Amino acid sequence: ERLGSRRILKRVLDRIAAEGPLPARAFEDPG
């Protein structure tokens, strides 16, 4: 219910895998 779509899990993992350690504010997500 809180994720909206589970596709966001892969997007988050892929970005951290590629870019390295990130804080939550690094993700542009106004919702």
Full PDB file with SEQRES, HELIX, SHEET, SSBOND, CRYST1, ORIGX, SCALE, CONECT and MASTER records, all heavy atoms in Angstrom:
SEQRES   1 A   31  GLU ARG LEU GLY SER ARG ARG ILE LEU LYS ARG VAL LEU          
SEQRES   2 A   31  ASP ARG ILE ALA ALA GLU GLY PRO LEU PRO ALA ARG ALA          
SEQRES   3 A   31  PHE GLU ASP PRO GLY                                          
HELIX    1 AA1 ARG A    7  GLU A   19  1                                  13    
HELIX    2 AA2 ALA A   24  ALA A   26  5                                   3    
CRYST1    1.000    1.000    1.000  90.00  90.00  90.00 P 1           1          
ORIGX1      1.000000  0.000000  0.000000        0.00000                         
ORIGX2      0.000000  1.000000  0.000000        0.00000                         
ORIGX3      0.000000  0.000000  1.000000        0.00000                         
SCALE1      1.000000  0.000000  0.000000        0.00000                         
SCALE2      0.000000  1.000000  0.000000        0.00000                         
SCALE3      0.000000  0.000000  1.000000        0.00000                         
ATOM      1  N   GLU A   1       0.822  -1.208   0.000  1.00  0.00           N  
ATOM      2  CA  GLU A   1       0.000   0.000   0.000  1.00  0.00           C  
ATOM      3  C   GLU A   1       0.858   1.260   0.000  1.00  0.00           C  
ATOM      4  O   GLU A   1       0.504   2.275  -0.609  1.00  0.00           O  
ATOM      5  CB  GLU A   1      -0.925  -0.004   1.213  1.00  0.00           C  
ATOM      6  CG  GLU A   1      -2.014  -1.073   1.153  1.00  0.00           C  
ATOM      7  CD  GLU A   1      -2.792  -1.172   2.451  1.00  0.00           C  
ATOM      8  OE1 GLU A   1      -2.437  -0.445   3.413  1.00  0.00           O  
ATOM      9  OE2 GLU A   1      -3.729  -1.988   2.522  1.00  0.00           O  
ATOM     10  N   ARG A   2       1.984   1.204   0.679  1.00  0.00           N  
ATOM     11  CA  ARG A   2       2.830   2.388   0.825  1.00  0.00           C  
ATOM     12  C   ARG A   2       3.812   2.567  -0.328  1.00  0.00           C  
ATOM     13  O   ARG A   2       4.300   3.671  -0.557  1.00  0.00           O  
ATOM     14  CB  ARG A   2       3.555   2.327   2.175  1.00  0.00           C  
ATOM     15  CG  ARG A   2       2.597   2.579   3.339  1.00  0.00           C  
ATOM     16  CD  ARG A   2       3.084   2.017   4.652  1.00  0.00           C  
ATOM     17  NE  ARG A   2       2.153   2.365   5.719  1.00  0.00           N  
ATOM     18  CZ  ARG A   2       1.009   1.723   5.946  1.00  0.00           C  
ATOM     19  NH1 ARG A   2       0.661   0.704   5.166  1.00  0.00           N  
ATOM     20  NH2 ARG A   2       0.218   2.097   6.937  1.00  0.00           N  
ATOM     21  N   LEU A   3       4.109   1.473  -1.029  1.00  0.00           N  
ATOM     22  CA  LEU A   3       5.016   1.570  -2.175  1.00  0.00           C  
ATOM     23  C   LEU A   3       4.307   2.060  -3.434  1.00  0.00           C  
ATOM     24  O   LEU A   3       4.910   2.708  -4.281  1.00  0.00           O  
ATOM     25  CB  LEU A   3       5.647   0.202  -2.461  1.00  0.00           C  
ATOM     26  CG  LEU A   3       6.700  -0.294  -1.479  1.00  0.00           C  
ATOM     27  CD1 LEU A   3       7.017  -1.755  -1.755  1.00  0.00           C  
ATOM     28  CD2 LEU A   3       7.962   0.555  -1.549  1.00  0.00           C  
ATOM     29  N   GLY A   4       3.033   1.743  -3.545  1.00  0.00           N  
ATOM     30  CA  GLY A   4       2.309   2.063  -4.771  1.00  0.00           C  
ATOM     31  C   GLY A   4       2.549   1.015  -5.839  1.00  0.00           C  
ATOM     32  O   GLY A   4       1.636   0.355  -6.312  1.00  0.00           O  
ATOM     33  N   SER A   5       3.790   0.829  -6.212  1.00  0.00           N  
ATOM     34  CA  SER A   5       4.173  -0.211  -7.169  1.00  0.00           C  
ATOM     35  C   SER A   5       5.506  -0.796  -6.732  1.00  0.00           C  
ATOM     36  O   SER A   5       6.415  -0.068  -6.326  1.00  0.00           O  
ATOM     37  CB  SER A   5       4.315   0.374  -8.578  1.00  0.00           C  
ATOM     38  OG  SER A   5       4.944  -0.563  -9.441  1.00  0.00           O  
ATOM     39  N   ARG A   6       5.622  -2.113  -6.851  1.00  0.00           N  
ATOM     40  CA  ARG A   6       6.869  -2.755  -6.451  1.00  0.00           C  
ATOM     41  C   ARG A   6       7.994  -2.524  -7.460  1.00  0.00           C  
ATOM     42  O   ARG A   6       9.152  -2.855  -7.175  1.00  0.00           O  
ATOM     43  CB  ARG A   6       6.642  -4.250  -6.225  1.00  0.00           C  
ATOM     44  CG  ARG A   6       5.838  -4.517  -4.958  1.00  0.00           C  
ATOM     45  CD  ARG A   6       5.633  -5.972  -4.669  1.00  0.00           C  
ATOM     46  NE  ARG A   6       4.932  -6.132  -3.397  1.00  0.00           N  
ATOM     47  CZ  ARG A   6       5.537  -6.358  -2.233  1.00  0.00           C  
ATOM     48  NH1 ARG A   6       6.844  -6.474  -2.180  1.00  0.00           N  
ATOM     49  NH2 ARG A   6       4.834  -6.478  -1.122  1.00  0.00           N  
ATOM     50  N   ARG A   7       7.672  -1.944  -8.587  1.00  0.00           N  
ATOM     51  CA  ARG A   7       8.726  -1.634  -9.561  1.00  0.00           C  
ATOM     52  C   ARG A   7       9.733  -0.638  -8.997  1.00  0.00           C  
ATOM     53  O   ARG A   7      10.887  -0.604  -9.416  1.00  0.00           O  
ATOM     54  CB  ARG A   7       8.114  -1.092 -10.853  1.00  0.00           C  
ATOM     55  CG  ARG A   7       7.398  -2.142 -11.690  1.00  0.00           C  
ATOM     56  CD  ARG A   7       7.083  -1.622 -13.078  1.00  0.00           C  
ATOM     57  NE  ARG A   7       6.114  -0.543 -13.040  1.00  0.00           N  
ATOM     58  CZ  ARG A   7       4.796  -0.711 -13.077  1.00  0.00           C  
ATOM     59  NH1 ARG A   7       4.293  -1.935 -13.141  1.00  0.00           N  
ATOM     60  NH2 ARG A   7       3.971   0.327 -13.049  1.00  0.00           N  
ATOM     61  N   ILE A   8       9.278   0.149  -8.022  1.00  0.00           N  
ATOM     62  CA  ILE A   8      10.179   1.137  -7.433  1.00  0.00           C  
ATOM     63  C   ILE A   8      11.333   0.468  -6.687  1.00  0.00           C  
ATOM     64  O   ILE A   8      12.420   1.034  -6.571  1.00  0.00           O  
ATOM     65  CB  ILE A   8       9.396   2.090  -6.493  1.00  0.00           C  
ATOM     66  CG1 ILE A   8      10.241   3.337  -6.201  1.00  0.00           C  
ATOM     67  CG2 ILE A   8       8.980   1.389  -5.202  1.00  0.00           C  
ATOM     68  CD1 ILE A   8       9.474   4.415  -5.465  1.00  0.00           C  
ATOM     69  N   LEU A   9      11.135  -0.749  -6.191  1.00  0.00           N  
ATOM     70  CA  LEU A   9      12.203  -1.459  -5.484  1.00  0.00           C  
ATOM     71  C   LEU A   9      13.397  -1.698  -6.401  1.00  0.00           C  
ATOM     72  O   LEU A   9      14.549  -1.463  -6.016  1.00  0.00           O  
ATOM     73  CB  LEU A   9      11.687  -2.785  -4.931  1.00  0.00           C  
ATOM     74  CG  LEU A   9      10.572  -2.698  -3.894  1.00  0.00           C  
ATOM     75  CD1 LEU A   9      10.014  -4.089  -3.599  1.00  0.00           C  
ATOM     76  CD2 LEU A   9      11.081  -2.052  -2.608  1.00  0.00           C  
ATOM     77  N   LYS A  10      13.116  -2.147  -7.613  1.00  0.00           N  
ATOM     78  CA  LYS A  10      14.208  -2.393  -8.575  1.00  0.00           C  
ATOM     79  C   LYS A  10      14.878  -1.088  -8.984  1.00  0.00           C  
ATOM     80  O   LYS A  10      16.113  -1.022  -9.107  1.00  0.00           O  
ATOM     81  CB  LYS A  10      13.683  -3.126  -9.806  1.00  0.00           C  
ATOM     82  CG  LYS A  10      14.791  -3.530 -10.793  1.00  0.00           C  
ATOM     83  CD  LYS A  10      14.244  -4.334 -11.946  1.00  0.00           C  
ATOM     84  CE  LYS A  10      15.376  -4.862 -12.834  1.00  0.00           C  
ATOM     85  NZ  LYS A  10      16.283  -3.811 -13.333  1.00  0.00           N  
ATOM     86  N   ARG A  11      14.097  -0.034  -9.168  1.00  0.00           N  
ATOM     87  CA  ARG A  11      14.687   1.253  -9.551  1.00  0.00           C  
ATOM     88  C   ARG A  11      15.642   1.759  -8.480  1.00  0.00           C  
ATOM     89  O   ARG A  11      16.739   2.234  -8.778  1.00  0.00           O  
ATOM     90  CB  ARG A  11      13.589   2.287  -9.808  1.00  0.00           C  
ATOM     91  CG  ARG A  11      12.764   2.033 -11.055  1.00  0.00           C  
ATOM     92  CD  ARG A  11      12.082   3.302 -11.535  1.00  0.00           C  
ATOM     93  NE  ARG A  11      11.158   3.853 -10.553  1.00  0.00           N  
ATOM     94  CZ  ARG A  11       9.870   3.516 -10.462  1.00  0.00           C  
ATOM     95  NH1 ARG A  11       9.362   2.607 -11.302  1.00  0.00           N  
ATOM     96  NH2 ARG A  11       9.086   4.073  -9.556  1.00  0.00           N  
ATOM     97  N   VAL A  12      15.224   1.641  -7.231  1.00  0.00           N  
ATOM     98  CA  VAL A  12      16.071   2.086  -6.120  1.00  0.00           C  
ATOM     99  C   VAL A  12      17.341   1.244  -6.032  1.00  0.00           C  
ATOM    100  O   VAL A  12      18.453   1.777  -5.924  1.00  0.00           O  
ATOM    101  CB  VAL A  12      15.275   2.035  -4.800  1.00  0.00           C  
ATOM    102  CG1 VAL A  12      16.203   2.139  -3.590  1.00  0.00           C  
ATOM    103  CG2 VAL A  12      14.235   3.146  -4.764  1.00  0.00           C  
ATOM    104  N   LEU A  13      17.181  -0.080  -6.094  1.00  0.00           N  
ATOM    105  CA  LEU A  13      18.348  -0.971  -6.024  1.00  0.00           C  
ATOM    106  C   LEU A  13      19.310  -0.726  -7.178  1.00  0.00           C  
ATOM    107  O   LEU A  13      20.537  -0.664  -6.981  1.00  0.00           O  
ATOM    108  CB  LEU A  13      17.892  -2.434  -6.031  1.00  0.00           C  
ATOM    109  CG  LEU A  13      17.596  -3.095  -4.696  1.00  0.00           C  
ATOM    110  CD1 LEU A  13      17.076  -4.510  -4.922  1.00  0.00           C  
ATOM    111  CD2 LEU A  13      18.831  -3.126  -3.803  1.00  0.00           C  
ATOM    112  N   ASP A  14      18.778  -0.594  -8.379  1.00  0.00           N  
ATOM    113  CA  ASP A  14      19.629  -0.391  -9.557  1.00  0.00           C  
ATOM    114  C   ASP A  14      20.424   0.909  -9.441  1.00  0.00           C  
ATOM    115  O   ASP A  14      21.608   0.963  -9.801  1.00  0.00           O  
ATOM    116  CB  ASP A  14      18.796  -0.373 -10.836  1.00  0.00           C  
ATOM    117  CG  ASP A  14      18.286  -1.756 -11.223  1.00  0.00           C  
ATOM    118  OD1 ASP A  14      18.745  -2.746 -10.620  1.00  0.00           O  
ATOM    119  OD2 ASP A  14      17.419  -1.833 -12.116  1.00  0.00           O  
ATOM    120  N   ARG A  15      19.779   1.941  -8.934  1.00  0.00           N  
ATOM    121  CA  ARG A  15      20.480   3.223  -8.842  1.00  0.00           C  
ATOM    122  C   ARG A  15      21.596   3.163  -7.802  1.00  0.00           C  
ATOM    123  O   ARG A  15      22.702   3.663  -8.042  1.00  0.00           O  
ATOM    124  CB  ARG A  15      19.487   4.337  -8.520  1.00  0.00           C  
ATOM    125  CG  ARG A  15      20.147   5.689  -8.546  1.00  0.00           C  
ATOM    126  CD  ARG A  15      19.194   6.831  -8.466  1.00  0.00           C  
ATOM    127  NE  ARG A  15      19.939   8.065  -8.252  1.00  0.00           N  
ATOM    128  CZ  ARG A  15      19.405   9.202  -7.844  1.00  0.00           C  
ATOM    129  NH1 ARG A  15      18.093   9.280  -7.639  1.00  0.00           N  
ATOM    130  NH2 ARG A  15      20.166  10.270  -7.669  1.00  0.00           N  
ATOM    131  N   ILE A  16      21.324   2.565  -6.655  1.00  0.00           N  
ATOM    132  CA  ILE A  16      22.365   2.449  -5.630  1.00  0.00           C  
ATOM    133  C   ILE A  16      23.501   1.555  -6.116  1.00  0.00           C  
ATOM    134  O   ILE A  16      24.681   1.840  -5.896  1.00  0.00           O  
ATOM    135  CB  ILE A  16      21.768   1.937  -4.310  1.00  0.00           C  
ATOM    136  CG1 ILE A  16      20.901   3.038  -3.677  1.00  0.00           C  
ATOM    137  CG2 ILE A  16      22.861   1.505  -3.331  1.00  0.00           C  
ATOM    138  CD1 ILE A  16      20.190   2.630  -2.409  1.00  0.00           C  
ATOM    139  N   ALA A  17      23.155   0.465  -6.814  1.00  0.00           N  
ATOM    140  CA  ALA A  17      24.181  -0.424  -7.365  1.00  0.00           C  
ATOM    141  C   ALA A  17      25.099   0.338  -8.321  1.00  0.00           C  
ATOM    142  O   ALA A  17      26.321   0.137  -8.329  1.00  0.00           O  
ATOM    143  CB  ALA A  17      23.529  -1.597  -8.080  1.00  0.00           C  
ATOM    144  N   ALA A  18      24.531   1.256  -9.107  1.00  0.00           N  
ATOM    145  CA  ALA A  18      25.309   1.988 -10.103  1.00  0.00           C  
ATOM    146  C   ALA A  18      26.049   3.177  -9.512  1.00  0.00           C  
ATOM    147  O   ALA A  18      27.199   3.462  -9.884  1.00  0.00           O  
ATOM    148  CB  ALA A  18      24.390   2.469 -11.222  1.00  0.00           C  
ATOM    149  N   GLU A  19      25.420   3.883  -8.576  1.00  0.00           N  
ATOM    150  CA  GLU A  19      25.976   5.149  -8.094  1.00  0.00           C  
ATOM    151  C   GLU A  19      26.685   5.048  -6.756  1.00  0.00           C  
ATOM    152  O   GLU A  19      27.443   5.946  -6.380  1.00  0.00           O  
ATOM    153  CB  GLU A  19      24.861   6.202  -7.996  1.00  0.00           C  
ATOM    154  CG  GLU A  19      24.206   6.532  -9.321  1.00  0.00           C  
ATOM    155  CD  GLU A  19      23.131   7.592  -9.178  1.00  0.00           C  
ATOM    156  OE1 GLU A  19      23.251   8.448  -8.272  1.00  0.00           O  
ATOM    157  OE2 GLU A  19      22.168   7.563  -9.973  1.00  0.00           O  
ATOM    158  N   GLY A  20      26.405   3.981  -5.986  1.00  0.00           N  
ATOM    159  CA  GLY A  20      27.008   3.864  -4.671  1.00  0.00           C  
ATOM    160  C   GLY A  20      26.082   4.391  -3.588  1.00  0.00           C  
ATOM    161  O   GLY A  20      24.888   4.622  -3.824  1.00  0.00           O  
ATOM    162  N   PRO A  21      26.597   4.591  -2.371  1.00  0.00           N  
ATOM    163  CA  PRO A  21      25.760   4.967  -1.219  1.00  0.00           C  
ATOM    164  C   PRO A  21      24.982   6.256  -1.463  1.00  0.00           C  
ATOM    165  O   PRO A  21      25.538   7.240  -1.953  1.00  0.00           O  
ATOM    166  CB  PRO A  21      26.772   5.143  -0.090  1.00  0.00           C  
ATOM    167  CG  PRO A  21      27.984   4.368  -0.525  1.00  0.00           C  
ATOM    168  CD  PRO A  21      28.015   4.465  -2.007  1.00  0.00           C  
ATOM    169  N   LEU A  22      23.676   6.227  -1.105  1.00  0.00           N  
ATOM    170  CA  LEU A  22      22.810   7.385  -1.317  1.00  0.00           C  
ATOM    171  C   LEU A  22      21.862   7.577  -0.141  1.00  0.00           C  
ATOM    172  O   LEU A  22      21.394   6.608   0.460  1.00  0.00           O  
ATOM    173  CB  LEU A  22      21.977   7.202  -2.597  1.00  0.00           C  
ATOM    174  CG  LEU A  22      22.711   7.231  -3.937  1.00  0.00           C  
ATOM    175  CD1 LEU A  22      21.756   6.827  -5.055  1.00  0.00           C  
ATOM    176  CD2 LEU A  22      23.306   8.611  -4.199  1.00  0.00           C  
ATOM    177  N   PRO A  23      21.514   8.841   0.159  1.00  0.00           N  
ATOM    178  CA  PRO A  23      20.460   9.115   1.134  1.00  0.00           C  
ATOM    179  C   PRO A  23      19.105   9.143   0.447  1.00  0.00           C  
ATOM    180  O   PRO A  23      19.025   9.206  -0.790  1.00  0.00           O  
ATOM    181  CB  PRO A  23      20.833  10.505   1.647  1.00  0.00           C  
ATOM    182  CG  PRO A  23      21.437  11.174   0.452  1.00  0.00           C  
ATOM    183  CD  PRO A  23      22.174  10.079  -0.299  1.00  0.00           C  
ATOM    184  N   ALA A  24      18.051   9.127   1.224  1.00  0.00           N  
ATOM    185  CA  ALA A  24      16.705   9.153   0.643  1.00  0.00           C  
ATOM    186  C   ALA A  24      16.464  10.417  -0.168  1.00  0.00           C  
ATOM    187  O   ALA A  24      15.776  10.386  -1.189  1.00  0.00           O  
ATOM    188  CB  ALA A  24      15.665   9.030   1.761  1.00  0.00           C  
ATOM    189  N   ARG A  25      17.070  11.547   0.255  1.00  0.00           N  
ATOM    190  CA  ARG A  25      16.821  12.815  -0.461  1.00  0.00           C  
ATOM    191  C   ARG A  25      17.418  12.833  -1.866  1.00  0.00           C  
ATOM    192  O   ARG A  25      17.113  13.733  -2.653  1.00  0.00           O  
ATOM    193  CB  ARG A  25      17.336  13.990   0.358  1.00  0.00           C  
ATOM    194  CG  ARG A  25      18.812  13.961   0.640  1.00  0.00           C  
ATOM    195  CD  ARG A  25      19.235  15.121   1.543  1.00  0.00           C  
ATOM    196  NE  ARG A  25      20.580  14.914   2.045  1.00  0.00           N  
ATOM    197  CZ  ARG A  25      21.682  15.188   1.367  1.00  0.00           C  
ATOM    198  NH1 ARG A  25      21.593  15.699   0.140  1.00  0.00           N  
ATOM    199  NH2 ARG A  25      22.877  14.977   1.900  1.00  0.00           N  
ATOM    200  N   ALA A  26      18.278  11.852  -2.188  1.00  0.00           N  
ATOM    201  CA  ALA A  26      18.855  11.790  -3.534  1.00  0.00           C  
ATOM    202  C   ALA A  26      17.835  11.337  -4.571  1.00  0.00           C  
ATOM    203  O   ALA A  26      18.068  11.471  -5.769  1.00  0.00           O  
ATOM    204  CB  ALA A  26      20.053  10.838  -3.549  1.00  0.00           C  
ATOM    205  N   PHE A  27      16.705  10.812  -4.101  1.00  0.00           N  
ATOM    206  CA  PHE A  27      15.682  10.309  -5.008  1.00  0.00           C  
ATOM    207  C   PHE A  27      14.590  11.367  -5.168  1.00  0.00           C  
ATOM    208  O   PHE A  27      13.977  11.787  -4.176  1.00  0.00           O  
ATOM    209  CB  PHE A  27      15.085   9.006  -4.471  1.00  0.00           C  
ATOM    210  CG  PHE A  27      16.083   7.887  -4.423  1.00  0.00           C  
ATOM    211  CD1 PHE A  27      16.942   7.755  -3.329  1.00  0.00           C  
ATOM    212  CD2 PHE A  27      16.182   6.975  -5.453  1.00  0.00           C  
ATOM    213  CE1 PHE A  27      17.868   6.728  -3.275  1.00  0.00           C  
ATOM    214  CE2 PHE A  27      17.114   5.940  -5.402  1.00  0.00           C  
ATOM    215  CZ  PHE A  27      17.961   5.819  -4.316  1.00  0.00           C  
ATOM    216  N   GLU A  28      14.368  11.798  -6.384  1.00  0.00           N  
ATOM    217  CA  GLU A  28      13.338  12.801  -6.648  1.00  0.00           C  
ATOM    218  C   GLU A  28      11.986  12.115  -6.651  1.00  0.00           C  
ATOM    219  O   GLU A  28      11.654  11.368  -7.565  1.00  0.00           O  
ATOM    220  CB  GLU A  28      13.597  13.494  -7.987  1.00  0.00           C  
ATOM    221  CG  GLU A  28      14.886  14.304  -8.015  1.00  0.00           C  
ATOM    222  CD  GLU A  28      15.109  14.989  -9.344  1.00  0.00           C  
ATOM    223  OE1 GLU A  28      14.205  14.905 -10.198  1.00  0.00           O  
ATOM    224  OE2 GLU A  28      16.178  15.594  -9.519  1.00  0.00           O  
ATOM    225  N   ASP A  29      11.258  12.361  -5.607  1.00  0.00           N  
ATOM    226  CA  ASP A  29      10.004  11.630  -5.423  1.00  0.00           C  
ATOM    227  C   ASP A  29       9.098  12.482  -4.548  1.00  0.00           C  
ATOM    228  O   ASP A  29       9.101  12.361  -3.332  1.00  0.00           O  
ATOM    229  CB  ASP A  29      10.289  10.281  -4.751  1.00  0.00           C  
ATOM    230  CG  ASP A  29       9.052   9.399  -4.669  1.00  0.00           C  
ATOM    231  OD1 ASP A  29       7.958   9.890  -4.987  1.00  0.00           O  
ATOM    232  OD2 ASP A  29       9.194   8.232  -4.284  1.00  0.00           O  
ATOM    233  N   PRO A  30       8.330  13.398  -5.147  1.00  0.00           N  
ATOM    234  CA  PRO A  30       7.521  14.314  -4.345  1.00  0.00           C  
ATOM    235  C   PRO A  30       6.330  13.664  -3.664  1.00  0.00           C  
ATOM    236  O   PRO A  30       5.807  14.196  -2.700  1.00  0.00           O  
ATOM    237  CB  PRO A  30       7.056  15.354  -5.372  1.00  0.00           C  
ATOM    238  CG  PRO A  30       7.055  14.606  -6.672  1.00  0.00           C  
ATOM    239  CD  PRO A  30       8.205  13.647  -6.584  1.00  0.00           C  
ATOM    240  N   GLY A  31       5.897  12.497  -4.132  1.00  0.00           N  
ATOM    241  CA  GLY A  31       4.733  11.856  -3.542  1.00  0.00           C  
ATOM    242  C   GLY A  31       5.052  11.249  -2.192  1.00  0.00           C  
ATOM    243  O   GLY A  31       6.189  10.909  -1.888  1.00  0.00           O  
TER     244      GLY A  31                                                      
MASTER        0    0    0    2    0    0    0    6  243    1    0    3          
END                                                                             
